[in-house]
């Protein structure tokens, strides 16, 4: 990941990421898991000062080089339906900074896939990042942002 030269507030966000296998639009929640090919991991790096400069978070999430995805795909049949009950852990320089179960996510996979499909036609290979557990650097006291040379590791059991 590359910290933009216009910010010293690049934050980590370990996230479960859903990979779509069968595209469609207006997917009912009860059928949404049928559209999931599998799961991977993301570090959805966020440029916090740009995220909070507007009422929308889009700019802070879309700087070149600020996100990392993968490198592996676990197929949907290899985990519990909707990837529930797995431990997600983010480490910054070997220190655990985020730790939570995927069962604790605000919205489950089926709900998110269904919701996103209401506005966007999902295509095979599309990725939906599911959000991050507590522990982001911005919410810590003192705040903890990534610096040049830091190592961030995200894993899901």
Protein backbone atom coordinates (compact mmCIF):
# COMPACT_ATOMS: atom_id res chain seq x y z
CA UNK A 1 0.00 0.00 0.00
CA UNK A 2 1.15 3.52 -0.72
CA UNK A 3 0.40 6.42 1.61
CA UNK A 4 -0.58 9.45 -0.47
CA UNK A 5 1.80 12.39 -0.11
CA UNK A 6 -1.19 14.59 0.85
CA UNK A 7 -1.95 12.67 4.03
CA UNK A 8 -0.41 11.24 7.18
CA UNK A 9 -3.68 9.53 8.10
CA UNK A 10 -3.62 6.23 6.18
CA UNK A 11 -5.63 3.81 8.31
CA UNK A 12 -5.90 0.02 8.14
CA UNK A 13 -9.21 -1.85 7.86
CA UNK A 14 -9.05 -5.63 7.77
CA UNK A 15 -12.13 -6.91 5.95
CA UNK A 16 -13.81 -10.05 4.76
CA UNK A 17 -14.45 -9.70 1.03
CA UNK A 18 -17.14 -11.53 -0.94
CA UNK A 19 -16.36 -12.56 -4.50
CA UNK A 20 -19.37 -12.89 -6.79
CA UNK A 21 -19.62 -16.06 -8.87
CA UNK A 22 -22.98 -15.67 -10.57
CA UNK A 23 -24.03 -12.20 -11.60
CA UNK A 24 -27.49 -10.75 -11.42
CA UNK A 25 -29.52 -7.76 -10.29
CA UNK A 26 -32.24 -7.50 -7.64
CA UNK A 27 -31.09 -10.62 -5.84
CA UNK A 28 -33.38 -11.61 -2.95
CA UNK A 29 -31.52 -12.12 0.35
CA UNK A 30 -32.76 -15.71 0.57
CA UNK A 31 -30.95 -16.51 -2.72
CA UNK A 32 -27.92 -14.26 -2.31
CA UNK A 33 -25.47 -16.92 -1.11
CA UNK A 34 -26.11 -18.83 -4.36
CA UNK A 35 -24.34 -15.93 -6.12
CA UNK A 36 -21.18 -16.09 -3.98
CA UNK A 37 -18.16 -17.86 -5.50
CA UNK A 38 -16.04 -17.43 -2.40
CA UNK A 39 -14.22 -15.13 -0.05
CA UNK A 40 -10.91 -13.36 0.25
CA UNK A 41 -9.30 -10.81 2.55
CA UNK A 42 -8.77 -7.07 2.11
CA UNK A 43 -6.99 -4.24 3.81
CA UNK A 44 -9.30 -1.42 2.83
CA UNK A 45 -6.82 1.35 3.56
CA UNK A 46 -8.56 4.64 4.23
CA UNK A 47 -7.17 8.15 3.94
CA UNK A 48 -9.04 9.49 6.98
CA UNK A 49 -8.54 13.24 6.49
CA UNK A 50 -10.05 12.99 2.98
CA UNK A 51 -12.81 10.67 4.18
CA UNK A 52 -14.01 13.26 6.67
CA UNK A 53 -13.58 16.32 4.42
CA UNK A 54 -17.00 15.55 2.94
CA UNK A 55 -20.20 13.87 4.08
CA UNK A 56 -19.32 10.92 1.82
CA UNK A 57 -16.53 8.42 2.44
CA UNK A 58 -15.80 7.68 -1.22
CA UNK A 59 -12.74 9.92 -1.72
CA UNK A 60 -10.96 8.59 1.35
CA UNK A 61 -11.36 5.02 0.10
CA UNK A 62 -10.15 5.47 -3.47
CA UNK A 63 -6.61 6.85 -3.58
CA UNK A 64 -4.26 4.97 -5.90
CA UNK A 65 -2.46 2.13 -4.15
CA UNK A 66 -4.25 2.38 -0.80
CA UNK A 67 -6.01 -0.99 -0.82
CA UNK A 68 -4.87 -4.57 -0.87
CA UNK A 69 -6.92 -7.62 -1.81
CA UNK A 70 -6.20 -11.35 -1.64
CA UNK A 71 -4.07 -13.17 -2.58
CA UNK A 72 -6.23 -16.28 -2.07
CA UNK A 73 -9.85 -17.19 -2.75
CA UNK A 74 -11.61 -19.67 -0.49
CA UNK A 75 -14.62 -21.13 -2.27
CA UNK A 76 -18.01 -20.74 -0.64
CA UNK A 77 -18.36 -24.50 -0.08
CA UNK A 78 -15.22 -24.52 2.11
CA UNK A 79 -16.69 -22.41 4.93
CA UNK A 80 -19.92 -22.03 6.87
CA UNK A 81 -22.77 -20.48 4.86
CA UNK A 82 -22.16 -16.75 4.62
CA UNK A 83 -18.68 -17.17 6.14
CA UNK A 84 -20.11 -16.93 9.67
CA UNK A 85 -18.19 -17.54 12.86
CA UNK A 86 -14.63 -17.12 11.61
CA UNK A 87 -12.01 -15.07 13.43
CA UNK A 88 -10.79 -11.98 11.55
CA UNK A 89 -7.54 -10.51 12.82
CA UNK A 90 -5.51 -7.50 11.69
CA UNK A 91 -1.94 -6.98 12.89
CA UNK A 92 0.11 -3.81 12.55
CA UNK A 93 3.82 -4.54 12.97
CA UNK A 94 2.92 -7.85 14.68
CA UNK A 95 0.56 -6.18 17.20
CA UNK A 96 -3.07 -7.30 17.05
CA UNK A 97 -5.13 -4.16 16.35
CA UNK A 98 -8.40 -5.75 15.23
CA UNK A 99 -9.93 -9.05 16.31
CA UNK A 100 -13.55 -10.12 15.83
CA UNK A 101 -15.75 -12.91 14.55
CA UNK A 102 -17.36 -12.61 11.15
CA UNK A 103 -20.61 -13.38 13.01
CA UNK A 104 -20.32 -9.93 14.63
CA UNK A 105 -20.57 -7.99 11.35
CA UNK A 106 -23.38 -5.43 11.28
CA UNK A 107 -24.78 -6.89 8.06
CA UNK A 108 -24.42 -10.50 6.97
CA UNK A 109 -23.20 -11.58 3.54
CA UNK A 110 -26.65 -12.38 2.14
CA UNK A 111 -28.04 -8.99 3.18
CA UNK A 112 -25.08 -7.12 1.64
CA UNK A 113 -25.14 -9.02 -1.65
CA UNK A 114 -28.89 -8.43 -1.94
CA UNK A 115 -28.59 -4.74 -1.04
CA UNK A 116 -25.74 -4.00 -3.45
CA UNK A 117 -27.58 -5.81 -6.26
CA UNK A 118 -30.48 -3.38 -5.94
CA UNK A 119 -28.35 -0.61 -7.44
CA UNK A 120 -25.56 -2.42 -9.26
CA UNK A 121 -25.72 -5.40 -11.60
CA UNK A 122 -23.27 -7.81 -10.02
CA UNK A 123 -20.92 -9.64 -12.37
CA UNK A 124 -18.72 -12.70 -11.78
CA UNK A 125 -15.49 -11.58 -10.14
CA UNK A 126 -16.96 -8.48 -8.48
CA UNK A 127 -15.73 -7.95 -4.92
CA UNK A 128 -17.82 -6.62 -2.04
CA UNK A 129 -15.87 -5.56 1.04
CA UNK A 130 -17.96 -6.32 4.10
CA UNK A 131 -16.76 -3.67 6.54
CA UNK A 132 -14.26 -3.75 9.36
CA UNK A 133 -14.40 -4.63 13.05
CA UNK A 134 -13.56 -2.18 15.80
CA UNK A 135 -9.94 -1.21 16.35
CA UNK A 136 -9.25 1.13 13.43
CA UNK A 137 -6.44 3.58 14.08
CA UNK A 138 -8.66 6.64 13.83
CA UNK A 139 -10.74 5.54 16.84
CA UNK A 140 -7.73 4.86 19.09
CA UNK A 141 -6.36 7.28 21.65
CA UNK A 142 -3.80 8.29 20.59
CA UNK A 143 -4.71 7.74 16.95
CA UNK A 144 -2.65 5.11 15.16
CA UNK A 145 -2.00 5.51 11.44
CA UNK A 146 0.25 3.50 9.13
CA UNK A 147 3.72 4.83 8.41
CA UNK A 148 6.25 4.04 5.73
CA UNK A 149 7.69 0.58 6.29
CA UNK A 150 4.83 -0.69 8.48
CA UNK A 151 3.66 -4.25 7.96
CA UNK A 152 -0.08 -4.92 8.04
CA UNK A 153 -1.31 -8.50 8.04
CA UNK A 154 -4.97 -9.44 7.77
CA UNK A 155 -6.11 -13.01 8.25
CA UNK A 156 -9.35 -14.89 8.60
CA UNK A 157 -9.19 -18.42 9.99
